[in-house]
Amino acid sequence: MRTWVGIVHRVSTGGTVMVKVETRVKHPIYGKFIRKESVYAVDDQIGCIVGDKVRIREIPPVSKTKTKRILEKVVI
């Protein structure tokens, strides 16, 4: 299963947080690295707040949009 490290962007109700993950991808023609940001709806059982750095991973779908869960808070 894939894992990502991101920052909690927004806290919603029902144990859901929005996590912003930044990845770097190489442009296929020019070769320059581009930053790409994705925001995922994540199942939160730990109780995170906005600004926490967290590690998330894929799980079977919990709801229509939640297919990831927080594994742990990452210490900076």
PDB file of N, CA and C in Angstrom:
ATOM      1  N   MET A   1       0.825  -1.181   0.000  1.00  0.00           N
ATOM      2  CA  MET A   1       0.000   0.000   0.000  1.00  0.00           C
ATOM      3  C   MET A   1       0.870   1.245   0.000  1.00  0.00           C
ATOM      4  N   ARG A   2       0.442   2.255  -0.736  1.00  0.00           N
ATOM      5  CA  ARG A   2       1.209   3.490  -0.856  1.00  0.00           C
ATOM      6  C   ARG A   2       1.006   4.376   0.371  1.00  0.00           C
ATOM      7  N   THR A   3       2.030   5.117   0.708  1.00  0.00           N
ATOM      8  CA  THR A   3       1.935   6.082   1.798  1.00  0.00           C
ATOM      9  C   THR A   3       2.406   7.440   1.305  1.00  0.00           C
ATOM     10  N   TRP A   4       1.867   8.493   1.906  1.00  0.00           N
ATOM     11  CA  TRP A   4       2.239   9.861   1.606  1.00  0.00           C
ATOM     12  C   TRP A   4       2.448  10.615   2.906  1.00  0.00           C
ATOM     13  N   VAL A   5       3.173  11.714   2.831  1.00  0.00           N
ATOM     14  CA  VAL A   5       3.324  12.622   3.960  1.00  0.00           C
ATOM     15  C   VAL A   5       2.745  13.955   3.525  1.00  0.00           C
ATOM     16  N   GLY A   6       1.845  14.496   4.357  1.00  0.00           N
ATOM     17  CA  GLY A   6       1.204  15.758   4.017  1.00  0.00           C
ATOM     18  C   GLY A   6       0.880  16.565   5.255  1.00  0.00           C
ATOM     19  N   ILE A   7       0.280  17.712   5.041  1.00  0.00           N
ATOM     20  CA  ILE A   7      -0.074  18.630   6.122  1.00  0.00           C
ATOM     21  C   ILE A   7      -1.595  18.737   6.178  1.00  0.00           C
ATOM     22  N   VAL A   8      -2.148  18.685   7.400  1.00  0.00           N
ATOM     23  CA  VAL A   8      -3.593  18.811   7.576  1.00  0.00           C
ATOM     24  C   VAL A   8      -3.995  20.219   7.160  1.00  0.00           C
ATOM     25  N   HIS A   9      -4.893  20.275   6.181  1.00  0.00           N
ATOM     26  CA  HIS A   9      -5.303  21.538   5.575  1.00  0.00           C
ATOM     27  C   HIS A   9      -6.601  22.049   6.185  1.00  0.00           C
ATOM     28  N   ARG A  10      -7.542  21.136   6.504  1.00  0.00           N
ATOM     29  CA  ARG A  10      -8.843  21.516   7.036  1.00  0.00           C
ATOM     30  C   ARG A  10      -9.392  20.358   7.859  1.00  0.00           C
ATOM     31  N   VAL A  11     -10.083  20.674   8.941  1.00  0.00           N
ATOM     32  CA  VAL A  11     -10.711  19.660   9.778  1.00  0.00           C
ATOM     33  C   VAL A  11     -12.211  19.750   9.575  1.00  0.00           C
ATOM     34  N   SER A  12     -12.855  18.620   9.223  1.00  0.00           N
ATOM     35  CA  SER A  12     -14.290  18.573   9.008  1.00  0.00           C
ATOM     36  C   SER A  12     -14.944  17.754  10.110  1.00  0.00           C
ATOM     37  N   THR A  13     -16.244  17.645  10.048  1.00  0.00           N
ATOM     38  CA  THR A  13     -16.968  16.855  11.039  1.00  0.00           C
ATOM     39  C   THR A  13     -16.952  15.388  10.652  1.00  0.00           C
ATOM     40  N   GLY A  14     -17.263  14.519  11.588  1.00  0.00           N
ATOM     41  CA  GLY A  14     -17.381  13.093  11.291  1.00  0.00           C
ATOM     42  C   GLY A  14     -16.058  12.373  11.158  1.00  0.00           C
ATOM     43  N   GLY A  15     -15.008  12.880  11.769  1.00  0.00           N
ATOM     44  CA  GLY A  15     -13.723  12.192  11.720  1.00  0.00           C
ATOM     45  C   GLY A  15     -13.001  12.295  10.402  1.00  0.00           C
ATOM     46  N   THR A  16     -13.234  13.380   9.678  1.00  0.00           N
ATOM     47  CA  THR A  16     -12.601  13.585   8.382  1.00  0.00           C
ATOM     48  C   THR A  16     -11.702  14.809   8.442  1.00  0.00           C
ATOM     49  N   VAL A  17     -10.520  14.703   7.870  1.00  0.00           N
ATOM     50  CA  VAL A  17      -9.643  15.855   7.694  1.00  0.00           C
ATOM     51  C   VAL A  17      -9.206  15.897   6.237  1.00  0.00           C
ATOM     52  N   MET A  18      -8.909  17.098   5.767  1.00  0.00           N
ATOM     53  CA  MET A  18      -8.394  17.268   4.420  1.00  0.00           C
ATOM     54  C   MET A  18      -6.890  17.452   4.539  1.00  0.00           C
ATOM     55  N   VAL A  19      -6.133  16.610   3.826  1.00  0.00           N
ATOM     56  CA  VAL A  19      -4.679  16.633   3.898  1.00  0.00           C
ATOM     57  C   VAL A  19      -4.126  17.044   2.540  1.00  0.00           C
ATOM     58  N   LYS A  20      -3.233  18.034   2.553  1.00  0.00           N
ATOM     59  CA  LYS A  20      -2.590  18.507   1.330  1.00  0.00           C
ATOM     60  C   LYS A  20      -1.247  17.805   1.193  1.00  0.00           C
ATOM     61  N   VAL A  21      -1.069  17.106   0.066  1.00  0.00           N
ATOM     62  CA  VAL A  21       0.160  16.367  -0.209  1.00  0.00           C
ATOM     63  C   VAL A  21       0.843  17.012  -1.404  1.00  0.00           C
ATOM     64  N   GLU A  22       2.119  17.304  -1.245  1.00  0.00           N
ATOM     65  CA  GLU A  22       2.900  17.919  -2.321  1.00  0.00           C
ATOM     66  C   GLU A  22       3.867  16.886  -2.882  1.00  0.00           C
ATOM     67  N   THR A  23       3.816  16.670  -4.186  1.00  0.00           N
ATOM     68  CA  THR A  23       4.725  15.739  -4.842  1.00  0.00           C
ATOM     69  C   THR A  23       5.507  16.483  -5.914  1.00  0.00           C
ATOM     70  N   ARG A  24       6.647  15.934  -6.265  1.00  0.00           N
ATOM     71  CA  ARG A  24       7.469  16.498  -7.327  1.00  0.00           C
ATOM     72  C   ARG A  24       7.484  15.507  -8.490  1.00  0.00           C
ATOM     73  N   VAL A  25       7.093  15.975  -9.670  1.00  0.00           N
ATOM     74  CA  VAL A  25       7.097  15.141 -10.863  1.00  0.00           C
ATOM     75  C   VAL A  25       7.980  15.795 -11.921  1.00  0.00           C
ATOM     76  N   LYS A  26       8.608  14.985 -12.724  1.00  0.00           N
ATOM     77  CA  LYS A  26       9.490  15.483 -13.767  1.00  0.00           C
ATOM     78  C   LYS A  26       8.691  15.709 -15.049  1.00  0.00           C
ATOM     79  N   HIS A  27       8.860  16.881 -15.655  1.00  0.00           N
ATOM     80  CA  HIS A  27       8.170  17.193 -16.895  1.00  0.00           C
ATOM     81  C   HIS A  27       8.688  16.262 -17.989  1.00  0.00           C
ATOM     82  N   PRO A  28       7.780  15.644 -18.769  1.00  0.00           N
ATOM     83  CA  PRO A  28       8.224  14.642 -19.740  1.00  0.00           C
ATOM     84  C   PRO A  28       9.099  15.182 -20.867  1.00  0.00           C
ATOM     85  N   ILE A  29       8.941  16.445 -21.243  1.00  0.00           N
ATOM     86  CA  ILE A  29       9.715  16.985 -22.359  1.00  0.00           C
ATOM     87  C   ILE A  29      10.902  17.811 -21.872  1.00  0.00           C
ATOM     88  N   TYR A  30      10.652  18.733 -20.947  1.00  0.00           N
ATOM     89  CA  TYR A  30      11.683  19.678 -20.546  1.00  0.00           C
ATOM     90  C   TYR A  30      12.584  19.159 -19.437  1.00  0.00           C
ATOM     91  N   GLY A  31      12.140  18.164 -18.702  1.00  0.00           N
ATOM     92  CA  GLY A  31      12.975  17.581 -17.665  1.00  0.00           C
ATOM     93  C   GLY A  31      12.996  18.351 -16.357  1.00  0.00           C
ATOM     94  N   LYS A  32      12.257  19.452 -16.300  1.00  0.00           N
ATOM     95  CA  LYS A  32      12.218  20.256 -15.078  1.00  0.00           C
ATOM     96  C   LYS A  32      11.263  19.618 -14.068  1.00  0.00           C
ATOM     97  N   PHE A  33      11.608  19.688 -12.784  1.00  0.00           N
ATOM     98  CA  PHE A  33      10.745  19.150 -11.747  1.00  0.00           C
ATOM     99  C   PHE A  33       9.660  20.171 -11.405  1.00  0.00           C
ATOM    100  N   ILE A  34       8.432  19.694 -11.343  1.00  0.00           N
ATOM    101  CA  ILE A  34       7.273  20.535 -11.076  1.00  0.00           C
ATOM    102  C   ILE A  34       6.628  20.075  -9.773  1.00  0.00           C
ATOM    103  N   ARG A  35       6.224  21.032  -8.926  1.00  0.00           N
ATOM    104  CA  ARG A  35       5.519  20.688  -7.694  1.00  0.00           C
ATOM    105  C   ARG A  35       4.038  20.537  -7.998  1.00  0.00           C
ATOM    106  N   LYS A  36       3.450  19.440  -7.528  1.00  0.00           N
ATOM    107  CA  LYS A  36       2.040  19.168  -7.745  1.00  0.00           C
ATOM    108  C   LYS A  36       1.393  18.980  -6.381  1.00  0.00           C
ATOM    109  N   GLU A  37       0.292  19.678  -6.122  1.00  0.00           N
ATOM    110  CA  GLU A  37      -0.404  19.567  -4.850  1.00  0.00           C
ATOM    111  C   GLU A  37      -1.722  18.843  -5.048  1.00  0.00           C
ATOM    112  N   SER A  38      -2.014  17.911  -4.150  1.00  0.00           N
ATOM    113  CA  SER A  38      -3.275  17.195  -4.151  1.00  0.00           C
ATOM    114  C   SER A  38      -3.860  17.275  -2.755  1.00  0.00           C
ATOM    115  N   VAL A  39      -5.191  17.385  -2.680  1.00  0.00           N
ATOM    116  CA  VAL A  39      -5.869  17.431  -1.389  1.00  0.00           C
ATOM    117  C   VAL A  39      -6.753  16.191  -1.295  1.00  0.00           C
ATOM    118  N   TYR A  40      -6.564  15.412  -0.226  1.00  0.00           N
ATOM    119  CA  TYR A  40      -7.291  14.167  -0.034  1.00  0.00           C
ATOM    120  C   TYR A  40      -8.178  14.247   1.201  1.00  0.00           C
ATOM    121  N   ALA A  41      -9.368  13.650   1.132  1.00  0.00           N
ATOM    122  CA  ALA A  41     -10.215  13.472   2.306  1.00  0.00           C
ATOM    123  C   ALA A  41      -9.729  12.221   3.017  1.00  0.00           C
ATOM    124  N   VAL A  42      -9.352  12.360   4.298  1.00  0.00           N
ATOM    125  CA  VAL A  42      -8.689  11.290   5.028  1.00  0.00           C
ATOM    126  C   VAL A  42      -9.463  10.978   6.295  1.00  0.00           C
ATOM    127  N   ASP A  43      -9.580   9.690   6.626  1.00  0.00           N
ATOM    128  CA  ASP A  43     -10.222   9.249   7.862  1.00  0.00           C
ATOM    129  C   ASP A  43      -9.275   9.511   9.024  1.00  0.00           C
ATOM    130  N   ASP A  44      -9.763  10.253  10.037  1.00  0.00           N
ATOM    131  CA  ASP A  44      -8.928  10.652  11.168  1.00  0.00           C
ATOM    132  C   ASP A  44      -9.430   9.984  12.441  1.00  0.00           C
ATOM    133  N   GLN A  45      -8.640   9.081  13.003  1.00  0.00           N
ATOM    134  CA  GLN A  45      -8.968   8.447  14.267  1.00  0.00           C
ATOM    135  C   GLN A  45      -8.022   8.891  15.373  1.00  0.00           C
ATOM    136  N   ILE A  46      -7.055   9.749  15.045  1.00  0.00           N
ATOM    137  CA  ILE A  46      -6.059  10.203  16.006  1.00  0.00           C
ATOM    138  C   ILE A  46      -6.494  11.507  16.661  1.00  0.00           C
ATOM    139  N   GLY A  47      -7.132  12.383  15.894  1.00  0.00           N
ATOM    140  CA  GLY A  47      -7.523  13.683  16.403  1.00  0.00           C
ATOM    141  C   GLY A  47      -6.494  14.740  16.060  1.00  0.00           C
ATOM    142  N   CYS A  48      -6.306  15.018  14.776  1.00  0.00           N
ATOM    143  CA  CYS A  48      -5.315  15.983  14.319  1.00  0.00           C
ATOM    144  C   CYS A  48      -5.924  17.376  14.235  1.00  0.00           C
ATOM    145  N   ILE A  49      -5.054  18.373  14.246  1.00  0.00           N
ATOM    146  CA  ILE A  49      -5.484  19.755  14.081  1.00  0.00           C
ATOM    147  C   ILE A  49      -4.791  20.330  12.848  1.00  0.00           C
ATOM    148  N   VAL A  50      -5.264  21.487  12.404  1.00  0.00           N
ATOM    149  CA  VAL A  50      -4.715  22.130  11.210  1.00  0.00           C
ATOM    150  C   VAL A  50      -3.240  22.443  11.430  1.00  0.00           C
ATOM    151  N   GLY A  51      -2.415  22.074  10.458  1.00  0.00           N
ATOM    152  CA  GLY A  51      -0.986  22.332  10.523  1.00  0.00           C
ATOM    153  C   GLY A  51      -0.155  21.130  10.919  1.00  0.00           C
ATOM    154  N   ASP A  52      -0.791  20.045  11.396  1.00  0.00           N
ATOM    155  CA  ASP A  52      -0.042  18.837  11.755  1.00  0.00           C
ATOM    156  C   ASP A  52       0.509  18.167  10.506  1.00  0.00           C
ATOM    157  N   LYS A  53       1.726  17.673  10.599  1.00  0.00           N
ATOM    158  CA  LYS A  53       2.338  16.897   9.516  1.00  0.00           C
ATOM    159  C   LYS A  53       2.032  15.435   9.796  1.00  0.00           C
ATOM    160  N   VAL A  54       1.391  14.743   8.843  1.00  0.00           N
ATOM    161  CA  VAL A  54       0.917  13.376   9.073  1.00  0.00           C
ATOM    162  C   VAL A  54       1.336  12.456   7.936  1.00  0.00           C
ATOM    163  N   ARG A  55       1.385  11.163   8.233  1.00  0.00           N
ATOM    164  CA  ARG A  55       1.635  10.125   7.239  1.00  0.00           C
ATOM    165  C   ARG A  55       0.306   9.412   6.993  1.00  0.00           C
ATOM    166  N   ILE A  56      -0.111   9.298   5.715  1.00  0.00           N
ATOM    167  CA  ILE A  56      -1.377   8.659   5.376  1.00  0.00           C
ATOM    168  C   ILE A  56      -1.120   7.472   4.462  1.00  0.00           C
ATOM    169  N   ARG A  57      -2.078   6.545   4.413  1.00  0.00           N
ATOM    170  CA  ARG A  57      -1.950   5.402   3.507  1.00  0.00           C
ATOM    171  C   ARG A  57      -3.317   5.014   2.971  1.00  0.00           C
ATOM    172  N   GLU A  58      -3.318   4.244   1.891  1.00  0.00           N
ATOM    173  CA  GLU A  58      -4.549   3.792   1.259  1.00  0.00           C
ATOM    174  C   GLU A  58      -5.194   2.691   2.089  1.00  0.00           C
ATOM    175  N   ILE A  59      -6.526   2.694   2.105  1.00  0.00           N
ATOM    176  CA  ILE A  59      -7.310   1.643   2.753  1.00  0.00           C
ATOM    177  C   ILE A  59      -8.512   1.351   1.858  1.00  0.00           C
ATOM    178  N   PRO A  60      -9.252   0.282   2.129  1.00  0.00           N
ATOM    179  CA  PRO A  60     -10.504   0.091   1.405  1.00  0.00           C
ATOM    180  C   PRO A  60     -11.455   1.258   1.679  1.00  0.00           C
ATOM    181  N   PRO A  61     -12.343   1.601   0.755  1.00  0.00           N
ATOM    182  CA  PRO A  61     -13.191   2.784   0.916  1.00  0.00           C
ATOM    183  C   PRO A  61     -14.018   2.764   2.198  1.00  0.00           C
ATOM    184  N   VAL A  62     -13.964   3.888   2.918  1.00  0.00           N
ATOM    185  CA  VAL A  62     -14.769   4.074   4.129  1.00  0.00           C
ATOM    186  C   VAL A  62     -16.075   4.751   3.753  1.00  0.00           C
ATOM    187  N   SER A  63     -16.013   5.680   2.797  1.00  0.00           N
ATOM    188  CA  SER A  63     -17.191   6.367   2.283  1.00  0.00           C
ATOM    189  C   SER A  63     -16.939   6.693   0.812  1.00  0.00           C
ATOM    190  N   LYS A  64     -17.774   7.554   0.251  1.00  0.00           N
ATOM    191  CA  LYS A  64     -17.647   7.883  -1.170  1.00  0.00           C
ATOM    192  C   LYS A  64     -16.297   8.531  -1.494  1.00  0.00           C
ATOM    193  N   THR A  65     -15.796   9.373  -0.589  1.00  0.00           N
ATOM    194  CA  THR A  65     -14.565  10.097  -0.883  1.00  0.00           C
ATOM    195  C   THR A  65     -13.373   9.660  -0.039  1.00  0.00           C
ATOM    196  N   LYS A  66     -13.596   8.986   1.082  1.00  0.00           N
ATOM    197  CA  LYS A  66     -12.492   8.635   1.976  1.00  0.00           C
ATOM    198  C   LYS A  66     -11.938   7.249   1.642  1.00  0.00           C
ATOM    199  N   THR A  67     -10.716   7.244   1.117  1.00  0.00           N
ATOM    200  CA  THR A  67     -10.041   5.980   0.814  1.00  0.00           C
ATOM    201  C   THR A  67      -8.642   5.959   1.424  1.00  0.00           C
ATOM    202  N   LYS A  68      -8.394   6.875   2.370  1.00  0.00           N
ATOM    203  CA  LYS A  68      -7.093   6.949   3.032  1.00  0.00           C
ATOM    204  C   LYS A  68      -7.291   7.132   4.527  1.00  0.00           C
ATOM    205  N   ARG A  69      -6.287   6.727   5.322  1.00  0.00           N
ATOM    206  CA  ARG A  69      -6.349   6.845   6.772  1.00  0.00           C
ATOM    207  C   ARG A  69      -5.020   7.367   7.298  1.00  0.00           C
ATOM    208  N   ILE A  70      -5.083   8.125   8.387  1.00  0.00           N
ATOM    209  CA  ILE A  70      -3.874   8.650   9.021  1.00  0.00           C
ATOM    210  C   ILE A  70      -3.188   7.542   9.815  1.00  0.00           C
ATOM    211  N   LEU A  71      -1.918   7.323   9.546  1.00  0.00           N
ATOM    212  CA  LEU A  71      -1.144   6.336  10.287  1.00  0.00           C
ATOM    213  C   LEU A  71      -0.565   6.945  11.554  1.00  0.00           C
ATOM    214  N   GLU A  72       0.087   8.114  11.413  1.00  0.00           N
ATOM    215  CA  GLU A  72       0.761   8.718  12.542  1.00  0.00           C
ATOM    216  C   GLU A  72       1.041  10.185  12.269  1.00  0.00           C
ATOM    217  N   LYS A  73       1.310  10.921  13.343  1.00  0.00           N
ATOM    218  CA  LYS A  73       1.807  12.280  13.206  1.00  0.00           C
ATOM    219  C   LYS A  73       3.316  12.197  13.032  1.00  0.00           C
ATOM    220  N   VAL A  74       3.845  12.984  12.112  1.00  0.00           N
ATOM    221  CA  VAL A  74       5.281  12.979  11.835  1.00  0.00           C
ATOM    222  C   VAL A  74       5.909  14.117  12.623  1.00  0.00           C
ATOM    223  N   VAL A  75       6.968  13.801  13.351  1.00  0.00           N
ATOM    224  CA  VAL A  75       7.679  14.816  14.107  1.00  0.00           C
ATOM    225  C   VAL A  75       8.668  15.501  13.172  1.00  0.00           C
ATOM    226  N   ILE A  76       8.639  16.795  13.157  1.00  0.00           N
ATOM    227  CA  ILE A  76       9.508  17.566  12.253  1.00  0.00           C
ATOM    228  C   ILE A  76      10.903  17.655  12.813  1.00  0.00           C
TER     229      ILE A  76
END
